């Protein structure tokens, strides 16, 4: 009998060891696949850090590429990146923490926290702010570093027209999350970051997360490189110069962290160290359909998806076109993917590929592709302008959709124009772009700038005149011709009344997830869109406006009753309709 028990025990131990070895081998296999994929991607522009954990075990936590090219500092698990809009789930968690402390309720209306709030906004609830269903516009101010005073910021926001009735539908609003950050400050009597640090980050063991509070080692802070080409600096340096955070960012974006800290955050949420189980359920319950045609719902600061196994995915991403962060969490499978890059392009946003590699043994992603700007930059460094036809052949073959955008080569040309080594290439690229888009006045203006830079006065004059012929309102061409001794009488800008401009304020959906926001500032019409900076729209008539930076037009369309129902975005001969939402 003893021998039989011994055999069973040995057998059990062997089976246990076998299962353990198989699991370890499986995790090692996953790690190798991910590592090979990202290591190979470095040569094509991937730069960042990635952490993957499964069932409490970290499979991989590794940096790739360089955090600082100038000092040759590699990315690592300790490198600090911005998390962008993933900041929103911290804001949402802080709100629920205050609810647990009996300081507020998610059903509370705005008039409880703000005095003299306009009637149409006084009953907007915290829940509606959390779910992007408040009706507030997306952004206030001119970019992430527009330092607007607190009272001015919220007074201006509360004066804007709601784009829909509160609670009726989803419309992403960064400004709405700034309102939540201000509520956190008013209720707690603490600065937003201080509250997060005290009630969220410290309990989770996170020491490298925040705007200004952490004592970061400067060599650990990632420098941002646009398309892995141009040094754009760090957000933290900009925060430090002013020693404060703008309201255009506070609560909705801009927090910095590491893969290690974000993993600690995932563990703290999972183990209810920050919020109770019921509050966590409230945080991650899907409430509002993001937009028709996509199976994604918005919870509180999180987007909720269904996996192909019909299990829940808790996720959010964020970025500023230079840095990008993705956080993907599958609670049932107990898998988390934490992804950062300091050199963003659509080609390196591969967190979902990594998620599939973890969960599907047969999944093989396509290799990371070099982005077109990086390819052009590397080609120019190694070739003279007599190879431009070869460059265009590569672009047409591999990046045909990219060069359909008249602004791509235009912006690349300007980046080369500032460098004496590449100035000839700048002119060459401007010439190529005017050949591709001969009806774009802005591109001819750029070509004129190129010729002027190299001292070719005659061709500069011809290019500027062509720009004005195509678009009489290009003031830069008129001014440049004046500098060159050629006087051109510009077309006088039309004035449109504020009452008419106010009729256009709102959001217009060009396609699912791509929203054009129309607002006003100092008597000017302002257009901004998803992931792009704001632009002044110059009036050509009461209904037609010119976007100089985009070299395109906006035309507002009315119904039979005179109501604004959509806008047309006119780019050359192309016209796209964006419905008012």
Protein backbone atom coordinates (compact mmCIF):
# COMPACT_ATOMS: atom_id res chain seq x y z
CA UNK A 1 0.00 0.00 0.00
CA UNK A 2 2.87 2.36 0.81
CA UNK A 3 4.49 1.64 -2.57
CA UNK A 4 1.23 2.51 -4.37
CA UNK A 5 0.94 5.82 -2.49
CA UNK A 6 4.56 6.60 -3.31
CA UNK A 7 4.00 5.87 -7.02
CA UNK A 8 0.93 8.12 -7.08
CA UNK A 9 2.87 10.89 -5.33
CA UNK A 10 5.80 10.62 -7.74
CA UNK A 11 3.41 10.49 -10.69
CA UNK A 12 1.61 13.59 -9.40
CA UNK A 13 4.89 15.45 -8.97
CA UNK A 14 6.00 14.46 -12.45
CA UNK A 15 2.69 15.59 -13.94
CA UNK A 16 2.88 18.86 -12.03
CA UNK A 17 6.43 19.45 -13.19
CA UNK A 18 5.45 18.56 -16.75
CA UNK A 19 2.56 21.02 -16.77
CA UNK A 20 4.82 23.70 -15.25
CA UNK A 21 7.54 23.03 -17.81
CA UNK A 22 4.97 23.13 -20.62
CA UNK A 23 3.58 26.45 -19.34
CA UNK A 24 7.05 27.91 -18.97
CA UNK A 25 7.97 26.75 -22.47
CA UNK A 26 4.73 28.25 -23.78
CA UNK A 27 5.46 31.62 -22.19
CA UNK A 28 9.04 31.46 -23.44
CA UNK A 29 7.76 30.75 -26.94
CA UNK A 30 5.41 33.76 -26.77
CA UNK A 31 8.24 35.93 -25.48
CA UNK A 32 10.50 34.85 -28.33
CA UNK A 33 7.85 35.58 -30.95
CA UNK A 34 7.17 39.05 -29.61
CA UNK A 35 10.85 39.83 -29.14
CA UNK A 36 11.75 38.73 -32.68
CA UNK A 37 8.87 40.71 -34.14
CA UNK A 38 9.77 43.95 -32.35
CA UNK A 39 13.55 43.55 -32.71
CA UNK A 40 13.15 43.18 -36.46
CA UNK A 41 10.83 46.18 -36.42
CA UNK A 42 13.52 48.45 -34.94
CA UNK A 43 15.29 48.64 -38.31
CA UNK A 44 12.01 49.90 -39.81
CA UNK A 45 11.36 52.55 -37.21
CA UNK A 46 9.92 50.90 -34.10
CA UNK A 47 11.13 52.51 -30.90
CA UNK A 48 9.51 51.99 -27.51
CA UNK A 49 8.86 49.63 -24.61
CA UNK A 50 6.46 46.70 -24.23
CA UNK A 51 5.22 44.67 -21.29
CA UNK A 52 3.05 41.56 -21.61
CA UNK A 53 1.75 39.63 -18.60
CA UNK A 54 -0.41 36.51 -18.47
CA UNK A 55 -1.97 34.98 -15.38
CA UNK A 56 0.25 37.01 -13.06
CA UNK A 57 3.49 36.20 -14.90
CA UNK A 58 5.36 38.86 -16.84
CA UNK A 59 6.21 37.25 -20.18
CA UNK A 60 8.20 40.16 -21.57
CA UNK A 61 9.14 43.64 -20.34
CA UNK A 62 11.68 45.14 -22.68
CA UNK A 63 12.71 48.32 -24.47
CA UNK A 64 13.51 48.66 -28.18
CA UNK A 65 15.24 51.39 -30.12
CA UNK A 66 16.43 54.62 -28.55
CA UNK A 67 14.90 56.86 -25.90
CA UNK A 68 17.41 59.55 -26.82
CA UNK A 69 19.21 59.35 -30.17
CA UNK A 70 21.46 62.29 -29.46
CA UNK A 71 22.89 60.64 -26.33
CA UNK A 72 22.48 57.06 -27.57
CA UNK A 73 20.28 56.05 -24.61
CA UNK A 74 18.25 52.90 -25.21
CA UNK A 75 14.60 52.42 -24.31
CA UNK A 76 14.08 50.13 -21.31
CA UNK A 77 11.35 48.99 -18.88
CA UNK A 78 12.22 52.11 -16.84
CA UNK A 79 11.88 54.60 -19.70
CA UNK A 80 9.27 57.29 -19.09
CA UNK A 81 6.74 58.00 -21.88
CA UNK A 82 3.51 59.97 -22.06
CA UNK A 83 0.34 57.86 -21.82
CA UNK A 84 -1.84 60.41 -23.63
CA UNK A 85 -5.57 59.84 -23.29
CA UNK A 86 -5.10 56.79 -21.08
CA UNK A 87 -4.94 59.55 -18.46
CA UNK A 88 -8.75 59.56 -18.64
CA UNK A 89 -9.11 56.27 -16.79
CA UNK A 90 -7.06 57.73 -13.90
CA UNK A 91 -9.51 60.65 -13.81
CA UNK A 92 -12.45 58.25 -13.84
CA UNK A 93 -10.92 56.15 -11.05
CA UNK A 94 -10.34 59.29 -8.97
CA UNK A 95 -14.01 60.24 -9.37
CA UNK A 96 -15.11 56.80 -8.15
CA UNK A 97 -12.65 57.03 -5.26
CA UNK A 98 -14.34 60.29 -4.23
CA UNK A 99 -17.68 58.53 -4.53
CA UNK A 100 -16.42 55.80 -2.19
CA UNK A 101 -15.38 58.56 0.22
CA UNK A 102 -18.94 59.96 0.06
CA UNK A 103 -17.71 63.22 -1.44
CA UNK A 104 -19.85 63.05 -4.59
CA UNK A 105 -22.07 60.82 -6.72
CA UNK A 106 -21.80 60.13 -10.43
CA UNK A 107 -25.41 61.32 -10.74
CA UNK A 108 -24.46 64.79 -9.42
CA UNK A 109 -25.10 67.69 -11.85
CA UNK A 110 -22.58 70.39 -12.73
CA UNK A 111 -24.46 73.15 -10.92
CA UNK A 112 -23.49 71.43 -7.67
CA UNK A 113 -19.83 72.29 -8.34
CA UNK A 114 -19.84 75.40 -10.54
CA UNK A 115 -21.60 78.70 -9.87
CA UNK A 116 -23.50 80.64 -12.53
CA UNK A 117 -23.28 77.81 -15.05
CA UNK A 118 -25.43 78.34 -18.18
CA UNK A 119 -28.89 76.81 -18.05
CA UNK A 120 -28.27 74.28 -20.84
CA UNK A 121 -25.31 72.81 -18.95
CA UNK A 122 -26.33 73.00 -15.31
CA UNK A 123 -27.89 69.50 -15.26
CA UNK A 124 -25.08 67.70 -17.10
CA UNK A 125 -24.06 64.86 -14.79
CA UNK A 126 -20.69 63.41 -13.84
CA UNK A 127 -21.81 60.16 -15.47
CA UNK A 128 -22.37 61.97 -18.76
CA UNK A 129 -18.93 63.55 -18.56
CA UNK A 130 -17.33 60.18 -17.85
CA UNK A 131 -19.04 58.52 -20.82
CA UNK A 132 -18.50 61.36 -23.33
CA UNK A 133 -22.23 61.91 -23.58
CA UNK A 134 -22.34 65.41 -22.06
CA UNK A 135 -22.55 67.26 -25.37
CA UNK A 136 -19.43 69.35 -24.71
CA UNK A 137 -17.15 70.08 -27.65
CA UNK A 138 -13.86 68.18 -27.87
CA UNK A 139 -11.24 70.85 -27.17
CA UNK A 140 -10.77 74.37 -25.86
CA UNK A 141 -7.64 76.37 -26.61
CA UNK A 142 -4.84 76.25 -29.13
CA UNK A 143 -3.09 72.96 -28.49
CA UNK A 144 -1.81 71.06 -25.47
CA UNK A 145 0.34 73.93 -24.19
CA UNK A 146 -2.10 76.83 -24.33
CA UNK A 147 -1.82 78.14 -20.75
CA UNK A 148 -5.31 79.50 -20.15
CA UNK A 149 -6.16 80.60 -16.62
CA UNK A 150 -8.55 78.32 -14.75
CA UNK A 151 -11.50 80.71 -14.55
CA UNK A 152 -11.06 81.78 -18.18
CA UNK A 153 -10.83 78.19 -19.42
CA UNK A 154 -14.07 77.02 -17.82
CA UNK A 155 -15.93 80.25 -18.51
CA UNK A 156 -15.03 79.88 -22.18
CA UNK A 157 -15.96 76.18 -22.23
CA UNK A 158 -19.32 76.74 -20.53
CA UNK A 159 -20.15 79.45 -23.07
CA UNK A 160 -19.72 77.10 -26.04
CA UNK A 161 -22.76 75.61 -27.69
CA UNK A 162 -23.48 71.96 -26.85
CA UNK A 163 -23.20 69.71 -29.88
CA UNK A 164 -26.08 67.51 -28.74
CA UNK A 165 -28.51 67.19 -25.88
CA UNK A 166 -26.76 65.77 -22.77
CA UNK A 167 -27.04 62.00 -22.41
CA UNK A 168 -28.31 61.37 -25.93
CA UNK A 169 -25.19 60.01 -27.63
CA UNK A 170 -21.43 59.63 -27.60
CA UNK A 171 -19.12 62.46 -28.71
CA UNK A 172 -15.52 62.31 -27.50
CA UNK A 173 -14.68 65.34 -25.36
CA UNK A 174 -11.25 66.04 -23.91
CA UNK A 175 -12.68 69.22 -22.40
CA UNK A 176 -15.30 67.14 -20.58
CA UNK A 177 -12.53 65.27 -18.77
CA UNK A 178 -10.91 68.60 -17.85
CA UNK A 179 -14.21 69.45 -16.15
CA UNK A 180 -13.93 66.19 -14.21
CA UNK A 181 -10.37 67.08 -13.15
CA UNK A 182 -11.63 70.43 -11.88
CA UNK A 183 -14.43 68.71 -9.93
CA UNK A 184 -11.79 66.47 -8.31
CA UNK A 185 -9.90 69.58 -7.21
CA UNK A 186 -12.98 71.41 -5.93
CA UNK A 187 -14.30 68.43 -3.96
CA UNK A 188 -10.97 67.25 -2.52
CA UNK A 189 -9.45 70.70 -2.07
CA UNK A 190 -6.27 69.27 -3.60
CA UNK A 191 -4.48 69.71 -6.90
CA UNK A 192 -5.52 67.08 -9.47
CA UNK A 193 -2.08 65.45 -9.68
CA UNK A 194 -1.64 65.53 -5.90
CA UNK A 195 -4.95 63.73 -5.42
CA UNK A 196 -4.01 61.05 -7.95
CA UNK A 197 -0.61 60.61 -6.35
CA UNK A 198 -2.08 60.25 -2.85
CA UNK A 199 -5.07 58.01 -3.55
CA UNK A 200 -4.08 56.11 -6.70
CA UNK A 201 -0.37 56.03 -7.45
CA UNK A 202 1.13 55.59 -3.98
CA UNK A 203 -1.29 52.80 -2.94
CA UNK A 204 -0.44 51.03 -6.20
CA UNK A 205 3.31 51.42 -5.61
CA UNK A 206 3.74 53.71 -8.65
CA UNK A 207 6.63 56.16 -8.24
CA UNK A 208 7.25 57.06 -11.88
CA UNK A 209 3.79 58.29 -12.88
CA UNK A 210 2.51 61.85 -13.08
CA UNK A 211 3.02 65.29 -14.60
CA UNK A 212 5.53 66.98 -12.28
CA UNK A 213 5.61 65.19 -8.90
CA UNK A 214 7.87 62.19 -9.68
CA UNK A 215 11.61 62.75 -9.33
CA UNK A 216 12.55 61.28 -12.68
CA UNK A 217 16.08 60.62 -13.80
CA UNK A 218 16.39 62.76 -16.94
CA UNK A 219 18.22 59.93 -18.71
CA UNK A 220 15.10 57.79 -18.29
CA UNK A 221 12.75 60.25 -20.01
CA UNK A 222 12.06 59.39 -23.65
CA UNK A 223 12.55 62.09 -26.26
CA UNK A 224 9.81 62.14 -28.89
CA UNK A 225 10.73 61.74 -32.56
CA UNK A 226 8.08 62.57 -35.15
CA UNK A 227 7.95 59.53 -37.45
CA UNK A 228 11.32 58.56 -35.93
CA UNK A 229 12.87 61.46 -37.86
CA UNK A 230 12.56 64.83 -36.10
CA UNK A 231 13.46 65.48 -32.44
CA UNK A 232 10.39 66.98 -30.75
CA UNK A 233 11.66 66.98 -27.15
CA UNK A 234 9.67 65.78 -24.13
CA UNK A 235 6.39 66.82 -22.53
CA UNK A 236 7.97 66.78 -19.09
CA UNK A 237 10.49 69.47 -20.08
CA UNK A 238 7.64 71.70 -21.23
CA UNK A 239 5.73 71.13 -17.97
CA UNK A 240 8.84 71.98 -15.97
CA UNK A 241 9.45 75.25 -17.83
CA UNK A 242 6.08 76.57 -16.62
CA UNK A 243 5.94 74.40 -13.47
CA UNK A 244 2.29 73.67 -14.18
CA UNK A 245 0.00 71.71 -16.48
CA UNK A 246 -2.43 73.30 -18.90
CA UNK A 247 -6.16 72.80 -18.57
CA UNK A 248 -6.15 71.74 -22.20
CA UNK A 249 -4.38 68.58 -20.92
CA UNK A 250 -5.20 68.21 -17.22
CA UNK A 251 -7.51 65.27 -16.60
CA UNK A 252 -7.67 64.15 -20.22
CA UNK A 253 -4.05 63.55 -21.26
CA UNK A 254 -0.37 64.17 -20.74
CA UNK A 255 0.43 62.00 -17.72
CA UNK A 256 3.77 60.16 -17.99
CA UNK A 257 4.61 56.64 -16.86
CA UNK A 258 6.58 53.45 -17.52
CA UNK A 259 5.67 49.88 -18.44
CA UNK A 260 6.54 48.82 -14.87
CA UNK A 261 4.26 51.39 -13.27
CA UNK A 262 1.37 50.72 -15.64
CA UNK A 263 1.67 47.03 -14.82
CA UNK A 264 1.48 47.90 -11.12
CA UNK A 265 -1.66 49.88 -11.92
CA UNK A 266 -3.23 46.90 -13.71
CA UNK A 267 -2.44 44.68 -10.70
CA UNK A 268 -3.86 47.25 -8.26
CA UNK A 269 -7.13 47.50 -10.18
CA UNK A 270 -7.35 43.74 -10.65
CA UNK A 271 -6.81 43.08 -6.94
CA UNK A 272 -9.12 45.90 -5.78
CA UNK A 273 -6.33 47.81 -4.02
CA UNK A 274 -7.63 51.14 -5.33
CA UNK A 275 -11.35 50.61 -5.79
CA UNK A 276 -13.82 48.16 -4.33
CA UNK A 277 -15.07 45.37 -6.56
CA UNK A 278 -18.39 47.16 -7.13
CA UNK A 279 -16.65 50.43 -8.03
CA UNK A 280 -14.35 48.60 -10.44
CA UNK A 281 -17.39 47.06 -12.11
CA UNK A 282 -18.86 50.54 -12.42
CA UNK A 283 -15.57 51.79 -13.90
CA UNK A 284 -15.53 49.13 -16.63
CA UNK A 285 -19.22 48.67 -17.42
CA UNK A 286 -19.97 49.51 -21.09
CA UNK A 287 -22.50 52.34 -21.25
CA UNK A 288 -22.43 54.29 -24.50
CA UNK A 289 -21.94 52.97 -28.04
CA UNK A 290 -18.97 54.94 -29.39
CA UNK A 291 -20.34 55.23 -32.90
CA UNK A 292 -22.46 53.21 -35.26
CA UNK A 293 -20.72 50.42 -37.13
CA UNK A 294 -18.15 49.63 -34.41
CA UNK A 295 -18.66 47.13 -31.59
CA UNK A 296 -17.02 49.34 -28.99
CA UNK A 297 -18.66 50.92 -25.96
CA UNK A 298 -17.36 53.58 -23.62
CA UNK A 299 -17.27 52.95 -19.88
CA UNK A 300 -15.64 55.40 -17.44
CA UNK A 301 -12.34 56.35 -19.10
CA UNK A 302 -12.12 52.94 -20.79
CA UNK A 303 -13.29 51.60 -24.14
CA UNK A 304 -14.89 48.15 -23.88
CA UNK A 305 -14.68 45.59 -26.68
CA UNK A 306 -15.62 41.95 -27.23
CA UNK A 307 -12.84 39.55 -28.17
CA UNK A 308 -13.27 36.92 -30.89
CA UNK A 309 -13.95 34.50 -28.00
CA UNK A 310 -16.77 36.78 -26.82
CA UNK A 311 -14.79 37.78 -23.73
CA UNK A 312 -14.37 41.31 -22.41
CA UNK A 313 -11.51 43.62 -23.45
CA UNK A 314 -10.80 46.74 -21.39
CA UNK A 315 -8.70 49.13 -23.39
CA UNK A 316 -7.71 52.67 -24.25
CA UNK A 317 -4.98 54.34 -26.24
CA UNK A 318 -3.53 57.80 -26.34
CA UNK A 319 -0.97 59.89 -28.09
CA UNK A 320 -0.04 63.20 -29.63
CA UNK A 321 1.18 62.05 -33.07
CA UNK A 322 4.70 61.65 -31.66
CA UNK A 323 4.23 59.46 -28.56
CA UNK A 324 1.66 56.66 -28.51
CA UNK A 325 0.46 54.37 -25.73
CA UNK A 326 -1.87 51.38 -25.84
CA UNK A 327 -3.28 49.49 -22.84
CA UNK A 328 -5.14 46.23 -23.61
CA UNK A 329 -6.53 44.07 -20.81
CA UNK A 330 -8.50 40.83 -21.08
CA UNK A 331 -9.74 40.05 -17.53
CA UNK A 332 -11.02 36.51 -18.18
CA UNK A 333 -7.80 35.41 -19.87
CA UNK A 334 -5.84 37.54 -17.35
CA UNK A 335 -3.71 39.03 -20.11
CA UNK A 336 -2.44 42.59 -20.30
CA UNK A 337 -0.46 44.29 -23.07
CA UNK A 338 1.20 47.62 -22.20
CA UNK A 339 2.73 49.36 -25.20
CA UNK A 340 4.68 52.62 -25.63
CA UNK A 341 6.43 54.27 -28.56
CA UNK A 342 8.32 57.56 -28.72
CA UNK A 343 8.35 57.55 -32.54
CA UNK A 344 4.78 57.08 -33.60
CA UNK A 345 3.32 56.33 -37.02
CA UNK A 346 0.43 54.11 -38.01
CA UNK A 347 2.96 51.42 -38.98
CA UNK A 348 4.21 50.94 -35.40
CA UNK A 349 0.87 50.91 -33.56
CA UNK A 350 1.13 47.15 -33.07
CA UNK A 351 -0.23 46.47 -29.56
CA UNK A 352 -3.23 44.57 -30.93
CA UNK A 353 -0.90 42.42 -33.03
CA UNK A 354 0.99 41.58 -29.85
CA UNK A 355 -2.27 40.72 -28.09
CA UNK A 356 -3.10 38.26 -30.91
CA UNK A 357 0.38 36.71 -30.67
CA UNK A 358 -0.24 36.00 -26.97
CA UNK A 359 -3.65 34.41 -27.44
CA UNK A 360 -3.37 32.72 -30.85
CA UNK A 361 -0.42 30.38 -31.43
CA UNK A 362 -1.08 30.43 -35.15
CA UNK A 363 -1.14 34.20 -35.52
CA UNK A 364 1.73 35.67 -37.53
CA UNK A 365 1.64 39.44 -38.01
CA UNK A 366 3.08 41.10 -41.06
CA UNK A 367 6.51 42.61 -40.35
CA UNK A 368 6.52 46.22 -39.16
CA UNK A 369 6.75 48.48 -42.21
CA UNK A 370 8.92 51.59 -42.40
CA UNK A 371 6.78 54.75 -42.49
CA UNK A 372 7.00 56.86 -45.64
CA UNK A 373 8.57 59.89 -43.93
CA UNK A 374 11.36 57.78 -42.46
CA UNK A 375 11.96 56.12 -45.82
CA UNK A 376 12.18 59.50 -47.57
CA UNK A 377 14.48 60.89 -44.89
CA UNK A 378 16.87 57.94 -45.16
CA UNK A 379 16.77 58.00 -48.97
CA UNK A 380 17.62 61.71 -49.06
CA UNK A 381 20.59 61.23 -46.70
CA UNK A 382 22.07 58.63 -49.03
CA UNK A 383 21.22 60.01 -52.49
CA UNK A 384 21.43 63.14 -54.61
CA UNK A 385 18.42 64.74 -56.28
CA UNK A 386 19.19 62.95 -59.57
CA UNK A 387 17.69 59.89 -57.87
CA UNK A 388 14.29 61.54 -57.30
CA UNK A 389 12.57 59.39 -59.94
CA UNK A 390 13.77 56.29 -58.10
CA UNK A 391 12.34 57.71 -54.84
CA UNK A 392 8.98 58.42 -56.47
CA UNK A 393 8.90 54.92 -57.95
CA UNK A 394 9.34 53.47 -54.44
CA UNK A 395 6.66 55.74 -52.99
CA UNK A 396 4.14 54.93 -55.71
CA UNK A 397 4.79 51.21 -55.34
CA UNK A 398 4.84 50.95 -51.55
CA UNK A 399 3.12 54.09 -50.23
CA UNK A 400 0.56 55.01 -52.86
CA UNK A 401 -2.11 55.93 -50.30
CA UNK A 402 0.32 58.20 -48.41
CA UNK A 403 1.23 60.34 -51.40
CA UNK A 404 -2.43 60.87 -52.21
CA UNK A 405 -2.24 63.44 -49.41
CA UNK A 406 -0.90 66.74 -50.89
CA UNK A 407 0.34 67.79 -47.44
CA UNK A 408 2.75 64.85 -46.98
CA UNK A 409 5.49 65.88 -49.38
CA UNK A 410 4.79 69.54 -48.63
CA UNK A 411 5.59 69.17 -44.92
CA UNK A 412 8.61 66.96 -45.67
CA UNK A 413 9.91 69.59 -48.08
CA UNK A 414 9.77 72.26 -45.37
CA UNK A 415 11.68 70.04 -42.94
CA UNK A 416 14.45 69.72 -45.57
CA UNK A 417 14.34 73.45 -46.35
CA UNK A 418 15.71 74.29 -42.89
CA UNK A 419 18.86 72.24 -43.44
CA UNK A 420 21.54 73.46 -45.84
CA UNK A 421 22.54 69.84 -46.55
CA UNK A 422 19.06 68.94 -47.84
CA UNK A 423 17.92 72.26 -49.31
CA UNK A 424 18.22 70.99 -52.92
CA UNK A 425 16.03 68.03 -51.98
CA UNK A 426 13.47 70.46 -50.51
CA UNK A 427 13.09 72.20 -53.87
CA UNK A 428 13.01 68.86 -55.69
CA UNK A 429 10.22 67.57 -53.46
CA UNK A 430 8.22 70.80 -53.82
CA UNK A 431 8.52 70.45 -57.61
CA UNK A 432 7.36 66.83 -57.45
CA UNK A 433 4.39 67.83 -55.29
CA UNK A 434 3.23 70.58 -57.66
CA UNK A 435 3.43 68.03 -60.49
CA UNK A 436 1.30 65.60 -58.47
CA UNK A 437 -1.18 68.30 -57.36
CA UNK A 438 -1.06 71.11 -59.93
CA UNK A 439 -4.27 72.72 -58.66
CA UNK A 440 -3.14 73.14 -55.06
CA UNK A 441 -2.21 76.78 -54.51
CA UNK A 442 -0.52 76.06 -51.20
CA UNK A 443 1.95 73.69 -52.86
CA UNK A 444 2.95 76.38 -55.38
CA UNK A 445 3.48 78.80 -52.49
CA UNK A 446 5.81 76.23 -50.91
CA UNK A 447 7.69 75.82 -54.18
CA UNK A 448 8.09 79.60 -54.28
CA UNK A 449 9.60 79.45 -50.77
CA UNK A 450 12.03 76.81 -52.00
CA UNK A 451 13.15 78.85 -54.98
CA UNK A 452 13.46 81.99 -52.84
CA UNK A 453 15.62 80.10 -50.32
CA UNK A 454 18.14 79.08 -53.00
CA UNK A 455 18.11 82.53 -54.60
CA UNK A 456 16.19 81.65 -57.77
CA UNK A 457 14.14 84.87 -57.88
CA UNK A 458 12.57 84.41 -61.33
CA UNK A 459 11.17 80.95 -60.62
CA UNK A 460 10.07 82.05 -57.13
CA UNK A 461 8.00 84.85 -58.66
CA UNK A 462 6.41 82.47 -61.17
CA UNK A 463 5.54 79.98 -58.40
CA UNK A 464 4.02 82.64 -56.14
CA UNK A 465 1.96 84.05 -59.02
CA UNK A 466 0.67 80.56 -59.78
CA UNK A 467 -0.30 80.13 -56.11
CA UNK A 468 -2.29 83.39 -56.17
CA UNK A 469 -3.92 82.43 -59.47
CA UNK A 470 -5.22 79.25 -57.84
CA UNK A 471 -6.05 80.90 -54.52
CA UNK A 472 -6.17 84.70 -54.33
CA UNK A 473 -6.24 84.59 -50.51
CA UNK A 474 -2.75 83.18 -49.99
CA UNK A 475 -1.34 86.16 -48.15
CA UNK A 476 2.08 84.54 -47.81
CA UNK A 477 2.51 84.50 -51.59
CA UNK A 478 1.40 88.14 -51.84
CA UNK A 479 3.83 89.15 -49.08
CA UNK A 480 6.68 87.11 -50.61
CA UNK A 481 6.15 88.76 -53.99
CA UNK A 482 6.22 92.15 -52.27
CA UNK A 483 9.61 91.21 -50.77
CA UNK A 484 10.79 90.34 -54.27
CA UNK A 485 9.63 93.70 -55.62
CA UNK A 486 6.38 92.51 -57.23
CA UNK A 487 3.16 94.16 -56.09
CA UNK A 488 -0.02 92.08 -56.18
CA UNK A 489 -3.30 93.43 -54.97
CA UNK A 490 -4.79 90.79 -52.73
CA UNK A 491 -8.45 89.99 -52.54
CA UNK A 492 -10.03 91.68 -49.54
CA UNK A 493 -11.11 89.22 -46.88
CA UNK A 494 -14.85 88.97 -46.49
CA UNK A 495 -16.33 89.68 -43.07
CA UNK A 496 -18.99 87.33 -41.68
CA UNK A 497 -21.08 88.28 -38.66
CA UNK A 498 -20.66 86.47 -35.34
CA UNK A 499 -24.32 85.42 -35.40
CA UNK A 500 -23.76 83.56 -38.67
CA UNK A 501 -20.51 82.00 -37.44
CA UNK A 502 -22.28 80.77 -34.30
CA UNK A 503 -24.74 78.83 -36.46
CA UNK A 504 -21.85 76.64 -37.63
CA UNK A 505 -20.52 75.71 -34.17
CA UNK A 506 -20.70 71.97 -33.53
CA UNK A 507 -19.33 68.59 -34.58
CA UNK A 508 -19.45 67.05 -38.04
CA UNK A 509 -18.67 63.37 -38.64
CA UNK A 510 -16.63 62.78 -41.79
CA UNK A 511 -16.38 59.04 -41.12
CA UNK A 512 -16.70 56.85 -38.02
CA UNK A 513 -14.25 58.17 -35.44
CA UNK A 514 -13.18 61.20 -37.51
CA UNK A 515 -14.88 64.33 -36.26
CA UNK A 516 -14.47 67.90 -37.53
CA UNK A 517 -15.14 70.35 -34.72
CA UNK A 518 -16.20 73.90 -35.58
CA UNK A 519 -15.85 76.64 -32.97
CA UNK A 520 -15.23 80.38 -32.86
CA UNK A 521 -12.49 82.50 -31.30
CA UNK A 522 -12.18 86.29 -31.41
CA UNK A 523 -14.59 86.56 -34.30
CA UNK A 524 -12.86 83.84 -36.35
CA UNK A 525 -14.18 80.42 -37.35
CA UNK A 526 -11.91 77.62 -36.06
CA UNK A 527 -11.84 74.09 -37.47
CA UNK A 528 -10.17 71.19 -35.68
CA UNK A 529 -10.35 67.48 -36.33
CA UNK A 530 -9.45 64.19 -34.68
CA UNK A 531 -5.71 64.07 -34.02
CA UNK A 532 -4.98 67.34 -35.86
CA UNK A 533 -4.29 70.91 -34.76
CA UNK A 534 -6.83 73.72 -34.98
CA UNK A 535 -6.97 75.90 -38.11
CA UNK A 536 -8.49 79.31 -38.81
CA UNK A 537 -11.15 79.14 -41.53
CA UNK A 538 -11.00 82.30 -43.67
CA UNK A 539 -14.38 83.39 -45.13
CA UNK A 540 -14.86 83.39 -48.89
CA UNK A 541 -18.60 83.95 -48.48
CA UNK A 542 -21.19 83.48 -45.74
CA UNK A 543 -21.05 79.71 -46.22
CA UNK A 544 -17.62 79.01 -47.76
CA UNK A 545 -14.35 79.14 -45.79
CA UNK A 546 -10.73 78.51 -46.72
CA UNK A 547 -8.36 76.39 -44.57
CA UNK A 548 -4.93 77.66 -45.55
CA UNK A 549 -2.91 75.08 -43.58
CA UNK A 550 -4.79 72.25 -45.27
CA UNK A 551 -5.18 74.07 -48.59
CA UNK A 552 -8.84 73.10 -48.70
CA UNK A 553 -12.27 74.61 -48.33
CA UNK A 554 -15.23 74.11 -46.03
CA UNK A 555 -18.71 74.67 -47.40
CA UNK A 556 -21.66 74.60 -44.98
CA UNK A 557 -24.80 72.92 -46.32
CA UNK A 558 -28.31 73.90 -45.31
CA UNK A 559 -31.63 72.09 -45.32
CA UNK A 560 -34.73 73.51 -47.00
CA UNK A 561 -35.57 75.19 -43.70
CA UNK A 562 -32.17 76.88 -43.47
CA UNK A 563 -30.73 74.60 -40.78
CA UNK A 564 -27.05 73.61 -41.07
CA UNK A 565 -27.08 69.85 -41.64
CA UNK A 566 -23.56 69.11 -42.91
CA UNK A 567 -20.36 70.54 -44.27
CA UNK A 568 -18.42 69.72 -47.40
CA UNK A 569 -14.64 69.41 -47.18
CA UNK A 570 -13.33 70.34 -50.61
CA UNK A 571 -9.76 69.38 -51.44
CA UNK A 572 -8.95 70.14 -55.08
CA UNK A 573 -11.58 68.29 -57.10
CA UNK A 574 -12.49 66.01 -54.19
CA UNK A 575 -15.50 66.71 -51.99
CA UNK A 576 -16.30 64.83 -48.78
CA UNK A 577 -19.50 65.31 -46.79
CA UNK A 578 -19.44 65.44 -42.98
CA UNK A 579 -22.85 65.20 -41.34
CA UNK A 580 -23.62 67.38 -38.35
CA UNK A 581 -24.00 65.32 -35.18
